[in-house]
Protein backbone atom coordinates (compact mmCIF):
# COMPACT_ATOMS: atom_id res chain seq x y z
CA MET A 1 -112.66 144.52 -72.22
CA THR A 2 -115.00 142.04 -70.55
CA ALA A 3 -114.34 138.34 -69.94
CA PRO A 4 -115.81 135.85 -72.45
CA GLY A 5 -119.56 135.49 -71.93
CA ARG A 6 -119.69 138.31 -69.41
CA ALA A 7 -122.76 140.52 -69.21
CA GLU A 8 -121.72 144.18 -69.35
CA GLY A 9 -121.91 145.78 -65.91
CA ALA A 10 -122.82 142.59 -64.05
CA LEU A 11 -121.08 141.67 -60.79
CA ARG A 12 -119.46 138.32 -61.46
CA VAL A 13 -119.66 136.15 -58.31
CA LEU A 14 -117.90 132.78 -58.14
CA VAL A 15 -119.31 130.31 -55.58
CA THR A 16 -116.94 127.49 -54.63
CA GLY A 17 -117.84 124.05 -53.31
CA ALA A 18 -120.64 123.84 -55.86
CA GLY A 19 -121.36 120.22 -54.92
CA GLY A 20 -122.43 121.15 -51.39
CA PRO A 21 -125.74 122.43 -50.01
CA ALA A 22 -124.15 125.67 -48.75
CA ALA A 23 -123.11 126.66 -52.26
CA ILE A 24 -126.45 125.74 -53.79
CA THR A 25 -128.34 127.69 -51.12
CA ALA A 26 -126.17 130.77 -51.74
CA MET A 27 -126.64 130.44 -55.49
CA LYS A 28 -130.43 130.20 -55.15
CA SER A 29 -130.36 133.43 -53.17
CA LEU A 30 -127.99 135.40 -55.39
CA ARG A 31 -129.55 134.39 -58.70
CA ALA A 32 -132.59 136.46 -57.72
CA ASP A 33 -130.38 139.57 -57.92
CA GLU A 34 -130.39 140.80 -61.52
CA SER A 35 -127.12 142.67 -61.00
CA VAL A 36 -125.27 139.42 -60.16
CA GLU A 37 -123.87 136.96 -62.68
CA LEU A 38 -123.18 133.61 -61.02
CA LEU A 39 -120.27 131.27 -61.66
CA ALA A 40 -119.66 127.93 -59.94
CA ALA A 41 -116.50 126.05 -59.02
CA ASP A 42 -115.76 122.64 -57.58
CA MET A 43 -113.04 119.98 -57.68
CA ASP A 44 -115.52 117.38 -58.98
CA PRO A 45 -117.23 117.58 -62.41
CA TRP A 46 -120.24 115.78 -60.85
CA ALA A 47 -120.90 118.65 -58.43
CA ALA A 48 -124.58 119.49 -58.80
CA GLY A 49 -124.20 123.25 -58.46
CA LEU A 50 -122.04 123.45 -61.57
CA TYR A 51 -125.14 122.74 -63.61
CA LEU A 52 -127.14 125.58 -62.11
CA VAL A 53 -125.10 128.00 -64.24
CA PRO A 54 -124.37 128.12 -67.99
CA PRO A 55 -121.46 126.03 -69.37
CA GLY A 56 -119.15 129.04 -69.69
CA ALA A 57 -119.64 129.85 -66.00
CA ARG A 58 -118.46 126.44 -64.72
CA THR A 59 -114.92 125.68 -63.67
CA LEU A 60 -112.92 123.01 -61.86
CA ILE A 61 -110.41 123.97 -59.15
CA PRO A 62 -108.10 121.99 -56.85
CA ALA A 63 -109.08 121.00 -53.33
CA GLY A 64 -108.61 123.75 -50.75
CA ALA A 65 -105.89 121.75 -48.99
CA ALA A 66 -103.94 121.10 -52.20
CA PRO A 67 -100.60 122.83 -52.76
CA GLY A 68 -101.08 125.75 -55.11
CA PHE A 69 -104.82 126.04 -54.43
CA THR A 70 -104.83 129.84 -54.18
CA ASP A 71 -102.61 130.23 -57.25
CA ALA A 72 -104.88 128.00 -59.33
CA LEU A 73 -108.03 129.73 -58.12
CA LEU A 74 -106.61 133.18 -58.77
CA ALA A 75 -105.67 132.15 -62.31
CA ARG A 76 -109.17 130.83 -62.99
CA CYS A 77 -110.75 133.98 -61.56
CA LEU A 78 -108.64 136.21 -63.78
CA ALA A 79 -109.51 134.14 -66.84
CA LEU A 80 -113.22 134.26 -66.02
CA GLY A 81 -113.36 137.92 -64.99
CA VAL A 82 -114.51 137.17 -61.43
CA ASP A 83 -115.25 140.14 -59.14
CA VAL A 84 -116.18 138.31 -55.93
CA ILE A 85 -115.42 134.86 -54.50
CA LEU A 86 -117.89 133.30 -52.10
CA PRO A 87 -116.12 130.23 -50.61
CA THR A 88 -118.23 127.54 -48.95
CA VAL A 89 -115.61 124.85 -48.20
CA ASP A 90 -113.86 124.87 -44.81
CA ALA A 91 -110.48 123.81 -46.24
CA GLU A 92 -110.51 126.86 -48.54
CA LEU A 93 -111.21 129.49 -45.90
CA ARG A 94 -107.84 130.07 -44.25
CA PRO A 95 -105.75 129.79 -47.45
CA LEU A 96 -107.99 132.38 -49.09
CA ALA A 97 -108.08 134.70 -46.08
CA HIS A 98 -104.28 134.71 -45.86
CA ALA A 99 -104.07 135.42 -49.61
CA ARG A 100 -106.71 138.16 -49.48
CA GLU A 101 -104.33 140.98 -50.48
CA ARG A 102 -103.19 139.10 -53.61
CA PHE A 103 -106.79 138.71 -54.72
CA LYS A 104 -107.59 142.31 -53.79
CA ALA A 105 -104.65 143.53 -55.87
CA ALA A 106 -106.18 141.65 -58.81
CA GLY A 107 -109.53 143.39 -58.26
CA ILE A 108 -111.20 140.37 -56.63
CA ASP A 109 -113.03 140.61 -53.29
CA LEU A 110 -113.59 137.72 -50.87
CA LEU A 111 -116.93 137.32 -49.09
CA LEU A 112 -115.07 135.89 -46.12
CA ALA A 113 -114.26 136.70 -42.49
CA PRO A 114 -110.82 138.09 -41.54
CA ALA A 115 -107.93 135.66 -41.19
CA ALA A 116 -107.59 136.43 -37.46
CA ALA A 117 -111.18 135.38 -36.82
CA LEU A 118 -110.79 132.20 -38.88
CA ASP A 119 -107.61 131.20 -37.03
CA ILE A 120 -109.59 131.21 -33.78
CA ILE A 121 -112.85 129.75 -35.02
CA LEU A 122 -111.47 126.84 -37.02
CA ASP A 123 -109.53 125.53 -34.00
CA LYS A 124 -112.13 124.31 -31.50
CA LEU A 125 -109.69 124.44 -28.58
CA LEU A 126 -108.73 128.06 -29.32
CA LEU A 127 -112.40 128.91 -29.81
CA ALA A 128 -113.33 127.50 -26.40
CA GLU A 129 -110.46 129.37 -24.73
CA HIS A 130 -111.30 132.60 -26.55
CA CYS A 131 -115.00 132.54 -25.61
CA ALA A 132 -114.59 131.38 -22.01
CA GLY A 133 -115.95 134.10 -19.75
CA VAL A 134 -117.95 135.59 -22.63
CA VAL A 135 -120.57 132.85 -22.96
CA ARG A 136 -121.03 129.44 -21.34
CA VAL A 137 -118.34 127.14 -22.76
CA PRO A 138 -118.28 123.41 -21.95
CA ARG A 139 -115.17 122.11 -20.22
CA THR A 140 -112.68 121.51 -23.02
CA GLU A 141 -109.14 120.10 -22.85
CA LEU A 142 -106.49 118.96 -25.27
CA PHE A 143 -106.54 115.16 -25.46
CA GLY A 144 -102.92 114.88 -24.40
CA PRO A 145 -100.87 113.34 -21.60
CA ALA A 146 -102.30 115.73 -19.00
CA VAL A 147 -105.87 114.42 -19.40
CA ASP A 148 -107.06 112.72 -16.20
CA PRO A 149 -109.97 110.36 -17.03
CA ALA A 150 -111.03 110.27 -13.37
CA SER A 151 -111.63 114.04 -13.32
CA TRP A 152 -114.44 113.97 -15.89
CA THR A 153 -118.18 113.37 -15.56
CA TYR A 154 -119.39 110.89 -18.17
CA PRO A 155 -120.27 110.62 -20.96
CA VAL A 156 -117.73 112.94 -22.62
CA ILE A 157 -117.07 113.85 -26.25
CA VAL A 158 -113.75 113.30 -28.03
CA LYS A 159 -113.45 115.11 -31.35
CA PRO A 160 -110.93 116.68 -33.73
CA ARG A 161 -109.71 120.20 -32.98
CA GLU A 162 -110.38 121.06 -36.60
CA GLY A 163 -113.01 119.88 -39.05
CA SER A 164 -116.72 120.29 -39.67
CA GLY A 165 -119.85 118.21 -39.31
CA SER A 166 -119.81 115.11 -37.12
CA ARG A 167 -116.71 113.54 -38.67
CA GLY A 168 -114.40 111.95 -36.12
CA ILE A 169 -116.62 112.67 -33.12
CA ILE A 170 -117.10 109.87 -30.59
CA THR A 171 -118.98 109.63 -27.30
CA VAL A 172 -117.02 108.03 -24.45
CA ALA A 173 -119.10 106.43 -21.69
CA SER A 174 -116.63 105.88 -18.84
CA ALA A 175 -113.24 106.74 -17.36
CA ALA A 176 -111.99 103.26 -18.25
CA GLU A 177 -113.01 103.75 -21.88
CA LEU A 178 -111.34 107.18 -22.03
CA ALA A 179 -108.18 105.77 -20.44
CA GLY A 180 -108.14 102.95 -22.98
CA LEU A 181 -108.64 105.39 -25.83
CA ALA A 182 -105.93 107.64 -24.45
CA ALA A 183 -103.45 104.78 -24.45
CA HIS A 184 -103.68 104.64 -28.23
CA ASP A 185 -105.02 107.94 -29.50
CA ARG A 186 -103.64 110.79 -27.39
CA SER A 187 -103.01 113.51 -29.91
CA ALA A 188 -102.64 117.25 -30.21
CA THR A 189 -105.26 117.04 -32.96
CA LEU A 190 -108.03 115.88 -30.58
CA ILE A 191 -109.93 117.49 -27.69
CA VAL A 192 -112.06 116.16 -24.85
CA GLN A 193 -115.23 118.08 -24.16
CA GLU A 194 -118.05 118.01 -21.65
CA PHE A 195 -121.19 116.30 -22.94
CA LEU A 196 -124.21 118.61 -23.28
CA PRO A 197 -127.56 116.78 -23.00
CA GLY A 198 -130.07 119.45 -24.04
CA GLU A 199 -131.58 120.85 -27.24
CA GLU A 200 -129.12 121.80 -29.97
CA TYR A 201 -129.41 125.04 -31.94
CA SER A 202 -127.76 126.29 -35.11
CA VAL A 203 -127.78 130.07 -35.01
CA ASP A 204 -127.31 131.79 -38.37
CA VAL A 205 -125.65 135.14 -37.77
CA LEU A 206 -125.30 138.06 -40.18
CA ALA A 207 -122.66 140.72 -39.54
CA ASP A 208 -121.75 143.60 -41.80
CA ALA A 209 -118.30 144.22 -43.27
CA ASP A 210 -117.22 145.91 -40.02
CA GLY A 211 -118.37 143.01 -37.84
CA ARG A 212 -121.55 144.67 -36.55
CA VAL A 213 -124.10 141.91 -35.98
CA VAL A 214 -127.50 142.76 -37.46
CA ALA A 215 -129.34 139.41 -37.31
CA SER A 216 -129.25 136.24 -35.23
CA VAL A 217 -131.64 133.47 -36.26
CA PRO A 218 -131.78 130.24 -34.21
CA ARG A 219 -132.79 126.99 -35.90
CA LEU A 220 -133.81 123.70 -34.32
CA ARG A 221 -133.16 120.41 -36.12
CA ALA A 222 -136.49 118.61 -35.85
CA ARG A 223 -135.71 115.61 -38.06
CA VAL A 224 -132.29 114.12 -38.87
CA ASP A 225 -131.64 111.31 -41.36
CA SER A 226 -128.12 109.79 -41.42
CA GLY A 227 -126.71 112.90 -39.78
CA VAL A 228 -128.37 115.28 -42.26
CA SER A 229 -131.12 117.66 -41.18
CA VAL A 230 -134.26 116.94 -43.23
CA GLY A 231 -136.69 118.95 -41.12
CA GLY A 232 -136.31 122.00 -38.91
CA ARG A 233 -137.72 125.32 -37.82
CA THR A 234 -136.58 128.79 -36.87
CA VAL A 235 -137.48 129.83 -33.33
CA HIS A 236 -137.65 133.08 -31.43
CA ASP A 237 -135.59 132.51 -28.29
CA ALA A 238 -134.08 135.67 -26.83
CA GLU A 239 -131.41 133.79 -24.88
CA VAL A 240 -130.18 131.84 -27.90
CA GLU A 241 -130.39 134.89 -30.18
CA TRP A 242 -128.21 136.79 -27.69
CA PHE A 243 -125.83 133.84 -27.53
CA GLY A 244 -125.32 133.84 -31.32
CA ARG A 245 -124.78 137.60 -31.45
CA THR A 246 -122.32 137.55 -28.56
CA VAL A 247 -120.17 134.73 -29.97
CA ALA A 248 -120.10 136.41 -33.39
CA GLN A 249 -118.96 139.71 -31.86
CA ALA A 250 -116.38 138.00 -29.64
CA THR A 251 -114.78 136.13 -32.54
CA GLY A 252 -114.82 139.02 -35.02
CA VAL A 253 -116.66 137.28 -37.84
CA THR A 254 -118.03 139.24 -40.76
CA PHE A 255 -120.80 138.42 -43.22
CA VAL A 256 -122.42 135.03 -42.54
CA ALA A 257 -121.52 132.52 -39.83
CA ASN A 258 -123.25 129.68 -38.03
CA VAL A 259 -122.94 129.40 -34.24
CA GLN A 260 -123.77 125.96 -32.83
CA CYS A 261 -124.78 125.59 -29.21
CA LYS A 262 -126.52 123.08 -26.99
CA ARG A 263 -128.24 123.37 -23.63
CA ASP A 264 -126.38 121.99 -20.62
CA GLN A 265 -127.79 120.05 -17.67
CA GLY A 266 -129.12 123.27 -16.18
CA GLY A 267 -130.77 124.41 -19.42
CA SER A 268 -128.26 127.13 -20.36
CA PRO A 269 -126.91 127.26 -23.94
CA ALA A 270 -123.23 126.35 -24.22
CA LEU A 271 -120.90 126.71 -27.20
CA LEU A 272 -120.15 123.77 -29.50
CA GLU A 273 -118.48 125.38 -32.51
CA VAL A 274 -118.68 128.14 -35.11
CA ASN A 275 -118.82 127.66 -38.87
CA PRO A 276 -117.49 130.90 -40.42
CA ARG A 277 -119.26 130.39 -43.74
CA MET A 278 -122.75 129.97 -45.11
CA PRO A 279 -124.36 126.76 -43.83
CA GLY A 280 -126.21 124.30 -46.05
CA THR A 281 -129.49 124.84 -44.21
CA LEU A 282 -129.44 128.63 -44.66
CA GLY A 283 -132.46 128.39 -46.94
CA LEU A 284 -134.73 128.19 -43.88
CA THR A 285 -133.28 131.43 -42.53
CA ILE A 286 -133.79 133.08 -45.92
CA ALA A 287 -137.42 131.89 -45.95
CA SER A 288 -137.78 133.33 -42.44
CA GLY A 289 -137.09 136.80 -43.80
CA VAL A 290 -133.32 137.29 -43.60
CA ASP A 291 -131.69 136.79 -47.01
CA MET A 292 -128.16 136.54 -45.65
CA PRO A 293 -126.25 135.90 -48.90
CA ARG A 294 -127.71 138.97 -50.63
CA LEU A 295 -127.38 141.14 -47.52
CA ALA A 296 -123.78 140.05 -46.95
CA LEU A 297 -122.89 140.83 -50.56
CA ALA A 298 -124.54 144.24 -50.25
CA SER A 299 -122.48 145.04 -47.15
CA MET A 300 -119.25 143.90 -48.83
CA LEU A 301 -120.05 146.33 -51.66
CA GLY A 302 -120.34 149.17 -49.14
CA ARG A 303 -124.12 149.39 -48.87
CA PRO A 304 -125.38 150.02 -45.31
CA LEU A 305 -127.46 147.35 -43.59
CA PRO A 306 -130.28 148.06 -41.11
CA ALA A 307 -129.33 148.23 -37.43
CA THR A 308 -131.24 145.02 -36.79
CA ILE A 309 -133.17 142.58 -38.96
CA ASP A 310 -135.95 140.48 -37.44
CA PHE A 311 -137.30 137.17 -38.69
CA CYS A 312 -140.51 135.18 -38.58
CA GLU A 313 -140.75 131.55 -37.49
CA ARG A 314 -140.85 129.05 -40.34
CA ALA A 315 -140.48 125.29 -40.68
CA VAL A 316 -138.91 123.28 -43.50
CA VAL A 317 -138.87 119.75 -44.83
CA ARG A 318 -135.99 118.88 -47.17
CA PHE A 319 -135.82 116.37 -49.99
CA LEU A 320 -133.55 115.40 -52.85
CA ASP A 321 -134.06 116.97 -56.25
CA GLU A 322 -132.56 116.11 -59.64
CA ARG A 323 -131.25 117.81 -62.73
CA PHE A 324 -130.99 115.60 -65.82
CA LEU A 325 -128.08 116.17 -68.21
CA ASP A 326 -126.47 114.93 -71.35
CA PRO A 327 -123.46 112.85 -70.15
CA ALA A 328 -121.29 115.01 -72.39
CA ASP A 329 -122.04 117.97 -70.12
CA ILE A 330 -120.16 116.27 -67.27
CA SER A 331 -117.02 115.51 -69.24
CA SER A 332 -117.06 118.90 -70.97
CA VAL A 333 -116.32 120.74 -67.70
CA GLY A 334 -112.83 119.27 -67.54
CA LEU A 335 -112.30 119.63 -71.28
CA ASP A 336 -113.26 123.29 -71.21
CA LEU A 337 -110.74 123.89 -68.43
CA GLU A 338 -107.99 122.11 -70.38
CA ARG A 339 -108.74 124.24 -73.45
CA ALA A 340 -108.68 127.44 -71.39
CA GLN A 341 -105.30 126.55 -69.90
CA ALA A 342 -103.75 125.46 -73.22
C-alpha cells in the first residue's frame, strides 16, 4: 500500500530546511529526476521551499535542537511514506546521524555523513586538531584561561566552536582588546584563531557512500551583500582542489560537503571550517557540470560513480525571486499537519 498521493514506484525524498537556499538548490536539482518525488519540510509555514512541491508533499517539523525532533520527524516520514531524508539544517545533522539505525529500521535512508565525521566537523576546535599535520591549519586555541593575549599576532578571530555562517564571529585588533574580551567572555564555547588575510574559497566536495572523493570544485565569492554571496565563480586551482579532497578524506565525510579555506600571509590555503551538508550556493557547482545532489543520491542507492568528475569554470549572479500564493496556502500547512495527527 502506498502513502496518500504517492506515485507508484517513485523514490520519495524529503528535503528539510525548506526555507533555506541549500534546500531549494537541492530541490531544483532533484526535481529533474523523473524517478524522484520531492517532499519538503520546515519549522516555518512561510518557508519558500514548501511551495515548490504540491500541498500533500508539505509538512512542518520541530527545530532540529528541539526535544523529540527525531521522534517527530520519524512519525511524519512514516505517515508520508518517505524513503530518503536529505537534511540541510546544521542543528538536525547530529541528532539524525545518531538516530540513523532507527530510521533505517523503518526503511528510511539518510543522505548524511556518518556520526563520527559530524562529531569532528561540527566542532571547529576538534576539526582543527584533527586536520593539523594533514593540511595547513591556522593556529587555533580554546578561548579559556590558558589563552595568552601577548602570544598572538594581531588581528585574531574569536568565534563559536559550533555554528555556521558568520554568526558570533568577531575580529580582535590588539592584545589589550583580547585581554579585555577575555575578562568577560572566556568560554569553552569559543575559540581564538589566527587571522588569514588572503582569498577565501568554498570548495564543494562530492564523495561516494564509502567516502571516496570524486569531485572537488572551488568557488570564489566575487560579490557579497550583507554577508550573502550574490556573485561568484568556480575556478580551476589544483592546490585548492587538492586541499578540498584531502580535508574531505581526512574527516570521513560522505556525499556532499563544503570545505572553506583562506590563503595565509604566504599564499597557502589554510582551513577555516567544513559544512557537512549541501551549501546554498551549490547551484553554481551544478551549473559547472557536477550535479552533486543527484550524484550523491545515486551513490546512496548503490549506483557507482565515476573515479573522478571534472568541472568547467562558470560565474553566477544571484537575485531574489518570488512565488505568489493564496494566503490560505500558508495557513493550510499547519492545518493539514493537525488533521494528519488527529
